[in-house]
N, C-alpha and C. Protein backbone atom coordinates (compact mmCIF):
# COMPACT_ATOMS: atom_id res chain seq x y z
N MET A 1 -18.08 -9.74 0.32
CA MET A 1 -17.03 -10.01 -0.70
C MET A 1 -15.82 -9.17 -0.19
N LEU A 2 -15.94 -7.77 0.16
CA LEU A 2 -15.14 -7.03 0.71
C LEU A 2 -14.60 -7.66 1.71
N ARG A 3 -15.47 -7.95 2.77
CA ARG A 3 -15.06 -8.73 4.05
C ARG A 3 -13.78 -9.72 3.99
N ARG A 4 -14.28 -10.48 2.90
CA ARG A 4 -13.75 -11.81 2.35
C ARG A 4 -12.08 -11.46 1.94
N ILE A 5 -12.22 -10.17 1.42
CA ILE A 5 -11.23 -9.46 0.58
C ILE A 5 -9.98 -9.02 1.75
N VAL A 6 -10.77 -8.33 2.79
CA VAL A 6 -10.03 -8.12 3.71
C VAL A 6 -9.20 -8.94 4.70
N ARG A 7 -10.15 -10.38 4.85
CA ARG A 7 -9.53 -11.31 5.73
C ARG A 7 -8.65 -12.34 4.95
N TYR A 8 -8.54 -12.21 3.97
CA TYR A 8 -7.84 -13.04 2.73
C TYR A 8 -6.44 -13.07 3.55
N PRO A 9 -5.64 -12.07 3.38
CA PRO A 9 -4.24 -11.63 3.90
C PRO A 9 -4.11 -12.79 5.43
N GLU A 10 -5.36 -12.59 6.26
CA GLU A 10 -4.74 -13.01 7.60
C GLU A 10 -5.27 -14.75 7.73
N SER A 11 -6.05 -15.09 6.78
CA SER A 11 -6.05 -16.51 6.57
C SER A 11 -4.82 -17.32 6.13
N MET A 12 -4.49 -16.46 4.97
CA MET A 12 -3.56 -17.30 4.45
C MET A 12 -1.97 -17.05 5.45
N LEU A 13 -1.81 -16.06 5.89
CA LEU A 13 -0.87 -15.87 7.14
C LEU A 13 -0.76 -17.21 8.22
N ARG A 14 -1.85 -17.53 8.72
CA ARG A 14 -1.89 -18.21 9.56
C ARG A 14 -1.95 -19.97 9.25
N SER A 15 -2.15 -19.88 7.50
CA SER A 15 -2.05 -21.38 7.11
C SER A 15 -0.86 -21.45 6.45
N ARG A 16 0.07 -20.54 6.44
CA ARG A 16 1.20 -20.45 5.68
C ARG A 16 2.41 -20.55 6.57
N ILE A 17 2.11 -20.17 7.98
CA ILE A 17 3.33 -20.17 8.94
C ILE A 17 3.99 -21.25 9.31
N SER A 18 3.36 -22.45 9.29
CA SER A 18 4.01 -23.77 10.00
C SER A 18 4.28 -24.71 8.38
N THR A 19 4.36 -24.08 7.17
CA THR A 19 4.38 -24.86 6.22
C THR A 19 6.09 -24.85 5.80
N VAL A 20 6.40 -25.56 4.66
CA VAL A 20 7.92 -25.31 4.37
C VAL A 20 8.33 -24.61 3.34
N GLY A 21 9.44 -23.97 3.08
CA GLY A 21 9.57 -23.06 2.19
C GLY A 21 9.15 -21.97 2.39
N VAL A 22 9.67 -20.83 1.29
CA VAL A 22 9.00 -19.38 1.04
C VAL A 22 8.90 -18.78 -0.12
N LYS A 23 8.71 -19.86 -1.00
CA LYS A 23 8.82 -19.35 -2.66
C LYS A 23 7.45 -18.35 -2.99
N ARG A 24 6.48 -19.09 -2.13
CA ARG A 24 5.14 -18.38 -2.50
C ARG A 24 5.30 -16.99 -1.83
N GLU A 25 5.77 -16.65 -0.77
CA GLU A 25 6.11 -15.61 0.10
C GLU A 25 6.89 -14.47 -0.99
N ALA A 26 7.87 -15.31 -1.52
CA ALA A 26 8.88 -14.59 -2.30
C ALA A 26 8.16 -13.96 -3.51
N VAL A 27 7.12 -14.79 -4.04
CA VAL A 27 6.60 -14.31 -5.24
C VAL A 27 5.59 -13.37 -5.20
N LEU A 28 4.78 -13.41 -3.90
CA LEU A 28 4.02 -12.56 -3.58
C LEU A 28 4.68 -11.28 -3.26
N VAL A 29 5.74 -11.13 -2.58
CA VAL A 29 6.54 -9.67 -2.24
C VAL A 29 6.89 -8.95 -3.63
N VAL A 30 7.51 -10.04 -4.70
CA VAL A 30 7.78 -9.51 -5.75
C VAL A 30 6.71 -8.71 -6.62
N VAL A 31 5.42 -9.46 -6.45
CA VAL A 31 4.44 -8.77 -6.97
C VAL A 31 4.14 -7.74 -6.39
N LEU A 32 3.85 -7.89 -5.07
CA LEU A 32 3.53 -6.65 -4.46
C LEU A 32 4.21 -5.13 -4.78
N GLY A 33 5.65 -5.65 -4.84
CA GLY A 33 6.65 -4.60 -5.31
C GLY A 33 6.49 -3.91 -6.31
N ALA A 34 6.05 -4.84 -7.57
CA ALA A 34 5.88 -4.54 -8.98
C ALA A 34 4.80 -3.66 -9.07
N LEU A 35 3.65 -4.00 -8.29
CA LEU A 35 2.43 -2.91 -8.09
C LEU A 35 2.91 -1.55 -8.23
N GLY A 36 3.78 -1.48 -7.35
CA GLY A 36 4.36 0.01 -7.29
C GLY A 36 5.09 0.48 -8.09
N SER A 37 5.90 -0.50 -8.75
CA SER A 37 6.43 0.04 -9.97
C SER A 37 5.81 0.28 -11.09
N ILE A 38 4.70 -0.01 -11.22
CA ILE A 38 3.81 0.50 -12.60
C ILE A 38 3.62 1.78 -13.13
N GLY A 39 3.40 2.64 -11.94
CA GLY A 39 3.09 4.00 -12.14
C GLY A 39 4.52 4.78 -12.34
N ILE A 40 5.66 4.22 -11.81
CA ILE A 40 6.82 5.05 -12.21
C ILE A 40 7.22 4.54 -13.19
N GLY A 41 7.13 3.18 -13.70
CA GLY A 41 7.66 2.59 -14.90
C GLY A 41 7.00 3.23 -16.04
N TYR A 42 5.66 3.91 -16.06
CA TYR A 42 4.96 4.83 -16.84
C TYR A 42 5.41 5.98 -17.39
N PHE A 43 5.32 6.61 -16.10
CA PHE A 43 6.28 7.48 -16.05
C PHE A 43 7.80 7.96 -16.60
N SER A 44 8.37 6.69 -16.61
CA SER A 44 10.11 6.56 -16.76
C SER A 44 9.82 6.74 -18.43
N TRP A 45 8.74 5.62 -18.73
CA TRP A 45 8.80 5.23 -20.43
C TRP A 45 8.30 6.65 -20.82
N GLN A 46 7.37 7.25 -20.45
CA GLN A 46 6.88 8.40 -21.42
C GLN A 46 7.98 9.27 -21.93
N MET A 47 8.99 9.51 -20.27
CA MET A 47 9.94 10.93 -20.38
C MET A 47 10.89 10.31 -21.08
N PHE A 48 11.29 9.37 -21.30
CA PHE A 48 12.18 8.75 -22.01
C PHE A 48 11.80 8.56 -23.53
N ALA A 49 10.81 8.03 -23.86
CA ALA A 49 10.05 8.26 -25.55
C ALA A 49 10.10 9.69 -25.73
N THR A 50 9.80 10.63 -25.05
CA THR A 50 9.64 12.08 -25.79
C THR A 50 11.15 13.12 -25.57
N HIS A 51 11.86 12.53 -24.66
CA HIS A 51 13.36 13.01 -24.95
C HIS A 51 13.66 13.25 -26.01
N THR A 52 14.78 14.21 -26.42
CA THR A 52 15.08 14.29 -27.91
C THR A 52 16.48 14.31 -27.70
N GLU A 53 17.18 14.41 -26.65
CA GLU A 53 18.41 14.28 -26.45
C GLU A 53 19.04 14.22 -24.76
N PRO A 54 18.21 12.66 -24.67
CA PRO A 54 18.40 12.30 -23.20
C PRO A 54 20.02 12.64 -22.71
N PRO A 55 20.26 13.01 -21.32
CA PRO A 55 21.58 13.00 -20.67
C PRO A 55 22.20 11.83 -20.52
N SER A 56 23.46 11.84 -20.17
CA SER A 56 24.05 10.69 -19.69
C SER A 56 23.27 9.63 -18.82
N TYR A 57 23.28 8.31 -18.63
CA TYR A 57 22.75 7.46 -17.42
C TYR A 57 21.48 7.95 -17.48
N LEU A 58 20.48 8.82 -18.13
CA LEU A 58 19.14 8.94 -17.96
C LEU A 58 18.24 7.25 -17.91
N GLU A 59 18.63 6.95 -18.95
CA GLU A 59 18.05 5.44 -19.10
C GLU A 59 18.03 4.82 -17.55
N PHE A 60 19.59 4.53 -17.29
CA PHE A 60 19.74 3.61 -15.99
C PHE A 60 19.10 4.54 -15.18
N THR A 61 18.87 5.75 -14.83
CA THR A 61 18.47 6.56 -13.50
C THR A 61 16.90 5.98 -13.31
N LEU A 62 16.71 6.18 -14.91
CA LEU A 62 14.82 5.60 -14.89
C LEU A 62 14.40 4.28 -14.21
N ILE A 63 15.51 3.30 -15.02
CA ILE A 63 15.04 1.97 -14.49
C ILE A 63 15.37 2.35 -13.22
N GLY A 64 15.97 2.74 -12.41
CA GLY A 64 16.48 2.67 -10.78
C GLY A 64 15.17 3.04 -10.47
N GLU A 65 14.91 4.34 -10.73
CA GLU A 65 13.11 4.68 -10.39
C GLU A 65 12.31 3.76 -10.48
N SER A 66 12.17 3.31 -11.76
CA SER A 66 10.83 2.22 -11.64
C SER A 66 11.28 0.86 -10.46
N LEU A 67 12.45 0.49 -10.57
CA LEU A 67 12.66 -0.46 -9.41
C LEU A 67 12.68 -0.12 -8.12
N GLY A 68 12.60 1.33 -7.73
CA GLY A 68 12.29 1.63 -6.57
C GLY A 68 11.62 0.72 -5.55
N PRO A 69 10.04 1.07 -6.00
CA PRO A 69 9.10 0.57 -5.37
C PRO A 69 9.32 -0.85 -4.63
N LEU A 70 9.98 -1.78 -5.78
CA LEU A 70 9.87 -3.02 -5.50
C LEU A 70 11.20 -3.36 -4.53
N LEU A 71 12.27 -2.66 -4.60
CA LEU A 71 13.10 -2.86 -3.63
C LEU A 71 13.33 -2.26 -2.66
N MET A 72 11.91 -1.36 -2.37
CA MET A 72 11.77 -0.73 -1.27
C MET A 72 10.83 -1.72 -0.20
N LEU A 73 10.20 -2.65 -0.97
CA LEU A 73 9.34 -3.54 -0.34
C LEU A 73 9.69 -4.66 0.05
N LEU A 74 11.21 -5.16 -0.75
CA LEU A 74 11.83 -6.11 -0.44
C LEU A 74 12.53 -5.77 1.15
N GLY A 75 13.07 -4.94 0.96
CA GLY A 75 13.68 -4.20 2.21
C GLY A 75 12.67 -4.23 3.28
N PHE A 76 11.70 -3.78 3.55
CA PHE A 76 10.61 -4.04 4.16
C PHE A 76 10.39 -5.61 4.74
N TRP A 77 10.09 -6.09 3.62
CA TRP A 77 9.86 -7.58 4.43
C TRP A 77 11.18 -8.28 4.79
N ILE A 78 12.43 -7.87 4.80
CA ILE A 78 13.62 -8.22 5.60
C ILE A 78 13.46 -7.55 7.20
N TRP A 79 12.98 -6.31 6.81
CA TRP A 79 13.13 -5.27 8.42
C TRP A 79 11.97 -6.08 9.01
N TYR A 80 10.69 -6.04 8.36
CA TYR A 80 9.38 -7.09 9.31
C TYR A 80 10.13 -7.86 9.77
N ALA A 81 10.90 -8.86 9.12
CA ALA A 81 11.07 -9.97 9.96
C ALA A 81 12.05 -10.36 10.88
N LEU A 82 12.83 -9.37 10.51
CA LEU A 82 14.07 -9.39 11.68
C LEU A 82 13.52 -8.73 12.82
N CYS A 83 12.51 -7.51 12.91
CA CYS A 83 12.04 -6.96 13.80
C CYS A 83 11.16 -8.02 14.73
N ALA A 84 10.69 -8.69 13.94
CA ALA A 84 9.72 -9.84 14.61
C ALA A 84 10.13 -10.88 15.40
N HIS A 85 11.34 -11.34 14.76
CA HIS A 85 12.41 -12.40 14.80
C HIS A 85 12.83 -11.81 16.35
N PHE A 86 13.85 -10.83 16.21
CA PHE A 86 14.24 -10.43 17.47
C PHE A 86 13.75 -9.71 18.54
N LEU A 87 12.76 -8.74 18.11
CA LEU A 87 12.24 -8.03 19.37
C LEU A 87 11.26 -9.11 20.12
N ALA A 88 10.48 -10.14 19.22
CA ALA A 88 9.80 -11.07 20.12
C ALA A 88 10.91 -11.56 21.07
N LYS A 89 11.89 -11.60 20.67
CA LYS A 89 12.62 -12.28 22.13
C LYS A 89 12.49 -11.77 23.33
N LEU A 90 12.01 -10.35 23.16
CA LEU A 90 11.71 -9.80 24.87
C LEU A 90 10.43 -10.20 25.27
N TYR A 91 10.06 -10.81 24.66
CA TYR A 91 8.52 -11.86 24.94
C TYR A 91 8.79 -13.08 25.52
N ASN A 92 9.95 -13.55 25.23
CA ASN A 92 10.24 -15.30 24.84
C ASN A 92 9.64 -15.69 24.12
N GLY A 93 9.74 -15.06 23.07
CA GLY A 93 9.42 -15.76 21.80
C GLY A 93 10.66 -16.80 21.00
N SER A 94 10.61 -17.89 20.70
CA SER A 94 11.56 -18.54 20.49
C SER A 94 11.57 -19.36 19.31
N ARG A 95 10.55 -19.47 18.30
CA ARG A 95 10.22 -20.23 17.33
C ARG A 95 11.30 -19.84 16.36
N PRO A 96 11.39 -20.82 15.08
CA PRO A 96 12.57 -20.21 14.40
C PRO A 96 12.00 -18.71 13.11
N PHE A 97 13.32 -18.50 12.83
CA PHE A 97 13.30 -17.13 12.18
C PHE A 97 12.47 -17.12 11.00
N ILE A 98 12.37 -18.60 10.00
CA ILE A 98 11.57 -18.86 8.81
C ILE A 98 9.98 -18.68 9.29
N ARG A 99 9.68 -18.55 10.28
CA ARG A 99 8.12 -18.44 10.52
C ARG A 99 7.49 -17.00 10.40
N ALA A 100 8.88 -16.11 11.38
CA ALA A 100 8.54 -14.81 11.22
C ALA A 100 8.75 -14.58 9.96
N PHE A 101 9.62 -14.75 9.00
CA PHE A 101 9.78 -14.45 7.92
C PHE A 101 8.39 -14.71 6.85
N ARG A 102 8.19 -15.55 6.89
CA ARG A 102 6.55 -16.24 6.18
C ARG A 102 5.68 -15.21 6.53
N ALA A 103 5.72 -14.74 7.54
CA ALA A 103 4.33 -14.16 8.31
C ALA A 103 4.71 -12.90 8.14
N SER A 104 5.57 -12.33 7.83
CA SER A 104 5.84 -10.92 7.27
C SER A 104 5.54 -10.65 5.73
N ALA A 105 5.87 -11.42 5.19
CA ALA A 105 4.97 -11.40 3.71
C ALA A 105 3.97 -11.11 3.49
N TRP A 106 3.17 -11.81 4.15
CA TRP A 106 1.55 -11.77 4.34
C TRP A 106 1.21 -10.46 5.14
N ALA A 107 2.12 -10.05 5.82
CA ALA A 107 1.71 -8.36 6.72
C ALA A 107 1.96 -7.43 5.68
N LEU A 108 2.82 -7.58 4.72
CA LEU A 108 3.08 -6.15 3.71
C LEU A 108 1.71 -6.51 2.35
N VAL A 109 0.91 -7.23 2.78
CA VAL A 109 -0.52 -6.97 1.51
C VAL A 109 -0.60 -5.79 1.45
N PRO A 110 -1.31 -5.14 2.73
CA PRO A 110 -1.85 -3.98 2.89
C PRO A 110 -1.14 -2.93 2.06
N VAL A 111 0.44 -2.69 1.92
CA VAL A 111 1.32 -1.88 1.54
C VAL A 111 1.18 -1.98 0.08
N GLY A 112 1.13 -3.32 -0.29
CA GLY A 112 1.38 -3.73 -1.52
C GLY A 112 0.03 -2.97 -2.41
N ILE A 113 -1.27 -3.12 -1.46
CA ILE A 113 -2.09 -2.75 -1.85
C ILE A 113 -2.29 -1.03 -2.20
N TRP A 114 -1.57 -0.40 -1.32
CA TRP A 114 -1.46 1.06 -1.57
C TRP A 114 -0.33 1.27 -2.63
N HIS A 115 0.51 0.43 -2.81
CA HIS A 115 1.44 0.87 -4.01
C HIS A 115 0.27 0.60 -4.98
N LEU A 116 -0.35 -0.09 -5.55
CA LEU A 116 -1.57 0.02 -6.51
C LEU A 116 -1.76 1.17 -6.88
N LEU A 117 -2.67 1.85 -5.65
CA LEU A 117 -3.17 2.78 -5.68
C LEU A 117 -2.35 4.07 -6.02
N ARG A 118 -1.27 3.92 -5.47
CA ARG A 118 -0.30 4.87 -5.96
C ARG A 118 0.02 5.18 -7.02
N SER A 119 0.35 3.84 -8.06
CA SER A 119 0.38 3.59 -9.57
C SER A 119 -0.34 4.24 -10.01
N ILE A 120 -2.12 3.96 -9.67
CA ILE A 120 -3.07 4.42 -10.66
C ILE A 120 -2.95 6.02 -10.40
N VAL A 121 -2.84 6.49 -9.20
CA VAL A 121 -3.08 8.14 -9.10
C VAL A 121 -2.20 8.53 -9.83
N VAL A 122 -0.42 8.25 -10.06
CA VAL A 122 0.71 8.71 -10.57
C VAL A 122 0.05 8.41 -12.26
N ILE A 123 -0.36 7.41 -12.72
CA ILE A 123 -0.57 7.57 -14.19
C ILE A 123 -1.71 8.55 -14.58
N ALA A 124 -2.83 8.20 -13.84
CA ALA A 124 -3.87 9.48 -14.07
C ALA A 124 -3.37 10.77 -13.80
N LEU A 125 -2.60 11.50 -12.98
CA LEU A 125 -1.97 12.35 -13.15
C LEU A 125 -1.04 12.68 -14.32
N PHE A 126 -0.36 11.89 -14.91
CA PHE A 126 0.51 12.06 -16.04
C PHE A 126 -0.30 12.08 -17.22
N LEU A 127 -1.37 11.40 -17.24
CA LEU A 127 -2.18 11.18 -18.63
C LEU A 127 -2.26 12.80 -19.13
N SER A 128 -2.68 13.43 -18.14
CA SER A 128 -2.94 15.16 -19.07
C SER A 128 -1.64 15.89 -19.04
N VAL A 129 -0.18 15.25 -18.56
CA VAL A 129 0.74 16.27 -18.58
C VAL A 129 1.58 15.62 -19.96
N GLU A 130 1.74 17.02 -20.75
CA GLU A 130 2.64 16.86 -21.90
C GLU A 130 4.25 17.37 -21.56
N PHE A 131 4.75 15.82 -21.93
CA PHE A 131 6.33 15.75 -21.48
C PHE A 131 7.01 16.55 -22.29
N PRO A 132 7.76 17.46 -21.62
CA PRO A 132 8.72 18.66 -22.39
C PRO A 132 9.94 17.07 -23.29
N GLU A 133 9.99 17.55 -24.20
CA GLU A 133 11.36 17.16 -25.06
C GLU A 133 12.86 17.60 -24.26
N ASP A 134 12.67 18.76 -23.78
CA ASP A 134 14.14 18.84 -23.32
C ASP A 134 14.17 19.58 -21.56
N PRO A 135 13.68 18.91 -20.70
CA PRO A 135 13.53 19.48 -19.41
C PRO A 135 14.74 20.23 -18.67
N ASP A 136 14.45 20.96 -18.15
CA ASP A 136 15.29 21.55 -17.16
C ASP A 136 16.10 21.18 -16.35
N GLY A 137 17.30 21.38 -16.53
CA GLY A 137 18.51 20.19 -15.97
C GLY A 137 19.27 19.76 -16.88
N ILE A 138 20.52 19.71 -16.09
CA ILE A 138 21.51 18.86 -16.85
C ILE A 138 21.65 17.48 -16.54
N GLU A 139 21.94 17.47 -15.69
CA GLU A 139 22.35 15.80 -15.03
C GLU A 139 20.72 15.21 -15.21
N ALA A 140 20.71 13.67 -14.94
CA ALA A 140 19.75 13.04 -15.41
C ALA A 140 18.49 12.89 -14.19
N GLU A 141 19.32 13.23 -12.86
CA GLU A 141 18.50 13.34 -11.62
C GLU A 141 17.58 14.83 -11.58
N ALA A 142 18.10 15.85 -12.09
CA ALA A 142 17.74 17.21 -11.98
C ALA A 142 16.56 16.93 -12.92
N GLN A 143 16.49 16.57 -14.60
CA GLN A 143 15.44 16.46 -15.30
C GLN A 143 14.48 15.39 -14.80
N ILE A 144 14.49 14.33 -14.04
CA ILE A 144 13.57 13.51 -13.83
C ILE A 144 12.71 14.06 -12.57
N GLN A 145 13.33 15.13 -11.76
CA GLN A 145 12.64 15.93 -10.76
C GLN A 145 12.07 17.03 -11.53
N THR A 146 12.54 17.59 -12.45
CA THR A 146 11.72 18.41 -13.12
C THR A 146 10.40 17.85 -13.64
N VAL A 147 10.35 16.87 -14.18
CA VAL A 147 9.26 16.34 -15.28
C VAL A 147 8.29 15.72 -14.07
N MET A 148 8.77 15.03 -12.95
CA MET A 148 7.83 14.77 -12.16
C MET A 148 7.06 15.64 -11.59
N GLU A 149 7.67 16.80 -10.92
CA GLU A 149 7.08 18.06 -10.20
C GLU A 149 5.81 18.25 -11.48
N LEU A 150 6.11 18.22 -12.75
CA LEU A 150 4.57 18.71 -13.35
C LEU A 150 3.25 17.80 -13.40
N GLY A 151 3.53 16.72 -12.54
CA GLY A 151 2.49 15.55 -12.70
C GLY A 151 2.02 15.53 -11.06
N LEU A 152 3.37 15.21 -10.25
CA LEU A 152 3.10 15.12 -8.86
C LEU A 152 2.66 16.05 -7.85
N ASP A 153 2.79 17.54 -8.50
CA ASP A 153 2.87 18.57 -7.61
C ASP A 153 1.42 18.69 -7.50
N SER A 154 0.65 17.95 -6.99
CA SER A 154 -0.93 17.74 -6.98
C SER A 154 -1.33 17.42 -5.27
N PRO A 155 -2.28 18.26 -4.76
CA PRO A 155 -2.72 17.64 -3.40
C PRO A 155 -3.29 16.22 -3.82
N VAL A 156 -3.74 15.83 -4.68
CA VAL A 156 -4.14 14.29 -5.02
C VAL A 156 -3.27 13.59 -4.34
N TYR A 157 -1.91 13.71 -5.03
CA TYR A 157 -0.86 12.77 -4.80
C TYR A 157 -0.35 12.91 -3.39
N VAL A 158 -0.40 13.91 -2.94
CA VAL A 158 -0.06 13.92 -1.45
C VAL A 158 -1.15 13.43 -0.57
N VAL A 159 -2.58 13.45 -1.20
CA VAL A 159 -3.29 12.52 -0.25
C VAL A 159 -3.11 11.18 -0.19
N THR A 160 -2.94 10.87 -1.49
CA THR A 160 -2.88 9.38 -1.47
C THR A 160 -1.86 8.97 -0.89
N LEU A 161 -0.48 9.58 -0.90
CA LEU A 161 0.60 9.14 -0.08
C LEU A 161 0.09 9.31 1.53
N LEU A 162 -0.48 10.23 1.93
CA LEU A 162 -0.74 9.99 3.64
C LEU A 162 -2.23 8.74 3.79
N LEU A 163 -2.73 8.52 2.55
CA LEU A 163 -3.67 7.50 2.55
C LEU A 163 -2.93 6.04 3.07
N GLY A 164 -1.52 5.95 2.72
CA GLY A 164 -0.77 5.05 2.96
C GLY A 164 -0.71 4.74 4.53
N LEU A 165 -1.05 5.55 5.11
CA LEU A 165 -1.06 5.53 6.81
C LEU A 165 -1.79 4.55 7.26
N VAL A 166 -3.23 4.74 6.26
CA VAL A 166 -4.31 3.72 6.80
C VAL A 166 -3.98 1.95 6.43
N PHE A 167 -3.34 2.21 5.36
CA PHE A 167 -2.83 0.88 5.08
C PHE A 167 -1.79 0.16 5.74
N THR A 168 -1.36 1.12 6.58
CA THR A 168 0.12 0.64 7.31
C THR A 168 -0.49 0.29 8.63
N VAL A 169 -1.43 0.77 9.16
CA VAL A 169 -2.32 0.53 10.30
C VAL A 169 -2.60 -0.97 10.15
N TRP A 170 -3.20 -1.38 9.00
CA TRP A 170 -3.93 -2.71 8.87
C TRP A 170 -2.73 -3.75 8.65
N SER A 171 -1.58 -3.20 8.10
CA SER A 171 -0.19 -3.87 7.83
C SER A 171 0.56 -4.39 9.49
N TRP A 172 0.33 -3.08 10.38
CA TRP A 172 0.28 -3.26 11.46
C TRP A 172 -0.39 -4.68 12.35
N HIS A 173 -1.88 -4.42 11.99
CA HIS A 173 -2.33 -5.53 12.48
C HIS A 173 -1.99 -6.83 12.33
N LEU A 174 -1.79 -6.84 10.76
CA LEU A 174 -1.37 -8.27 10.25
C LEU A 174 0.01 -8.66 10.64
N LEU A 175 1.13 -7.76 10.79
CA LEU A 175 2.19 -8.28 11.13
C LEU A 175 2.07 -8.44 13.10
N ALA A 176 1.40 -8.25 13.44
CA ALA A 176 0.87 -8.59 15.05
C ALA A 176 0.50 -9.88 15.03
N VAL A 177 -0.41 -10.13 14.24
CA VAL A 177 -1.34 -11.36 14.27
C VAL A 177 -0.13 -12.38 14.24
N GLY A 178 0.62 -12.10 12.56
CA GLY A 178 1.73 -13.06 12.30
C GLY A 178 2.81 -13.05 13.48
N ILE A 179 3.08 -12.12 14.08
CA ILE A 179 4.05 -12.51 15.26
C ILE A 179 3.65 -13.43 16.23
N ALA A 180 2.56 -13.27 16.97
CA ALA A 180 1.83 -13.89 17.67
C ALA A 180 1.72 -15.47 17.35
N GLU A 181 1.53 -15.81 16.25
CA GLU A 181 1.21 -17.10 15.59
C GLU A 181 2.81 -17.85 15.49
N ALA A 182 3.58 -16.84 14.80
CA ALA A 182 4.87 -17.39 14.36
C ALA A 182 5.86 -17.70 15.69
N LYS A 183 5.84 -16.39 16.72
CA LYS A 183 6.70 -16.85 17.68
C LYS A 183 5.98 -17.18 19.03
N GLU A 184 4.69 -17.55 18.98
CA GLU A 184 4.27 -17.93 19.95
C GLU A 184 4.21 -16.97 21.42
N VAL A 185 3.59 -15.90 21.02
CA VAL A 185 3.72 -14.84 22.31
C VAL A 185 2.28 -14.19 22.23
N SER A 186 1.65 -13.81 23.26
CA SER A 186 0.18 -13.25 23.19
C SER A 186 0.37 -12.34 22.05
N LEU A 187 -1.08 -11.76 21.83
CA LEU A 187 -1.38 -10.71 20.79
C LEU A 187 -0.92 -9.47 21.34
N ASP A 188 -1.05 -8.98 22.76
CA ASP A 188 -0.83 -7.81 23.01
C ASP A 188 0.84 -7.70 22.99
N ASP A 189 1.41 -8.74 23.19
CA ASP A 189 3.02 -8.26 23.27
C ASP A 189 3.26 -8.32 21.75
N ALA A 190 2.74 -9.04 20.89
CA ALA A 190 3.22 -9.16 19.30
C ALA A 190 2.48 -7.34 18.77
N LYS A 191 1.73 -6.79 19.40
CA LYS A 191 1.26 -5.61 18.79
C LYS A 191 2.34 -4.72 19.47
N LYS A 192 3.06 -4.98 20.09
CA LYS A 192 4.11 -3.70 20.46
C LYS A 192 4.92 -4.26 19.79
N VAL A 193 5.45 -5.30 19.49
CA VAL A 193 6.61 -5.80 19.04
C VAL A 193 6.43 -4.85 17.30
N ALA A 194 4.85 -5.21 17.20
CA ALA A 194 4.82 -4.58 15.31
C ALA A 194 4.85 -3.26 15.00
N VAL A 195 5.03 -2.33 16.38
CA VAL A 195 4.85 -1.03 16.31
C VAL A 195 6.07 -0.61 15.42
N VAL A 196 7.32 -1.18 15.96
CA VAL A 196 8.67 -0.69 15.16
C VAL A 196 8.43 -0.95 13.77
N PRO A 197 8.58 -1.99 13.05
CA PRO A 197 8.52 -1.99 11.65
C PRO A 197 7.45 -1.58 10.99
N ALA A 198 6.38 -1.53 11.80
CA ALA A 198 5.15 -0.63 10.90
C ALA A 198 5.24 0.43 11.03
N GLY A 199 5.67 0.70 12.42
CA GLY A 199 6.05 2.89 12.78
C GLY A 199 7.28 3.18 11.53
N THR A 200 8.11 2.57 11.34
CA THR A 200 8.95 2.89 10.38
C THR A 200 8.24 3.00 8.65
N VAL A 201 7.47 2.19 8.32
CA VAL A 201 6.79 2.37 7.15
C VAL A 201 6.32 3.71 7.27
N ALA A 202 5.27 3.90 8.35
CA ALA A 202 4.43 5.18 8.55
C ALA A 202 5.35 6.27 8.54
N LEU A 203 6.65 6.31 9.02
CA LEU A 203 7.46 7.63 9.25
C LEU A 203 8.07 7.59 7.60
N TYR A 204 8.02 6.65 6.72
CA TYR A 204 8.52 6.70 5.28
C TYR A 204 7.73 7.50 4.64
N ILE A 205 6.26 7.19 4.62
CA ILE A 205 5.22 7.72 4.28
C ILE A 205 5.22 9.16 4.55
N VAL A 206 5.17 9.67 5.81
CA VAL A 206 4.97 11.12 6.26
C VAL A 206 6.16 11.79 5.63
N TRP A 207 7.51 11.10 5.16
CA TRP A 207 8.76 11.76 5.11
C TRP A 207 8.27 12.06 3.70
N LEU A 208 7.86 11.06 2.71
CA LEU A 208 7.50 11.26 1.21
C LEU A 208 6.83 12.50 1.03
N ALA A 209 5.53 12.22 2.10
CA ALA A 209 4.10 13.29 2.00
C ALA A 209 4.97 14.76 2.26
N LEU A 210 5.93 14.61 3.35
CA LEU A 210 6.76 16.16 3.59
C LEU A 210 7.65 16.87 2.61
N GLN A 211 8.20 15.79 1.90
CA GLN A 211 8.79 16.05 0.69
C GLN A 211 8.12 16.73 -0.30
N TRP A 212 7.39 16.01 -0.92
CA TRP A 212 6.47 16.53 -2.06
C TRP A 212 5.57 17.71 -1.76
N GLN A 213 5.74 17.98 -0.17
CA GLN A 213 4.91 19.64 -0.09
C GLN A 213 6.01 20.74 0.13
N GLY A 214 7.44 19.69 -0.35
CA GLY A 214 8.74 21.19 -0.10
C GLY A 214 9.04 21.32 1.40
N ILE A 215 8.45 20.42 2.17
CA ILE A 215 8.83 21.07 3.84
C ILE A 215 10.07 20.57 3.86
N LEU A 216 10.69 19.34 3.25
CA LEU A 216 11.73 18.79 3.50
C LEU A 216 12.89 18.77 1.85
């Protein structure tokens, strides 16, 4: 069963490359991004519900925080596809951009799974947190940061962030397969191309972990 689950994104990637349209891929990426918004959405709802005198724009700032993972994944989808299309040209990849666009969506499935895991951890950590009615800070951003640190200042959250590197390696493998299929280049060359976009995701995850450790 586990093997079938692991292989499912790759099999779908291969079967979808030559099809018409990207509606299924668009829905996929939105769902994967939404998985990451669940945890922050829970935090945002709890914080706003317990706030007695919310500062200006707190509601809109919390909505922005909740949509962050979704917008980030949409950005990664575009970044994956652009890198796959243009860098593959260095290895004589000449097939249409839309093929790389479809393949890139399925290559992000591991990142979406990590998003879900992160949301579960965020909710679990904040279940035991008593949200203050009047957090420290005058601006909305400062108050959000104050309350976030109450729950996310935990080694468990940092480990969860770093665990994302494992899922990024899986994403790199899927993207390499997708580039090889979509752009008709060798798998070895596709792996070199996939390092750039997947490496960007890995750097982003490391940056998040360092930020929550107070190093950045």
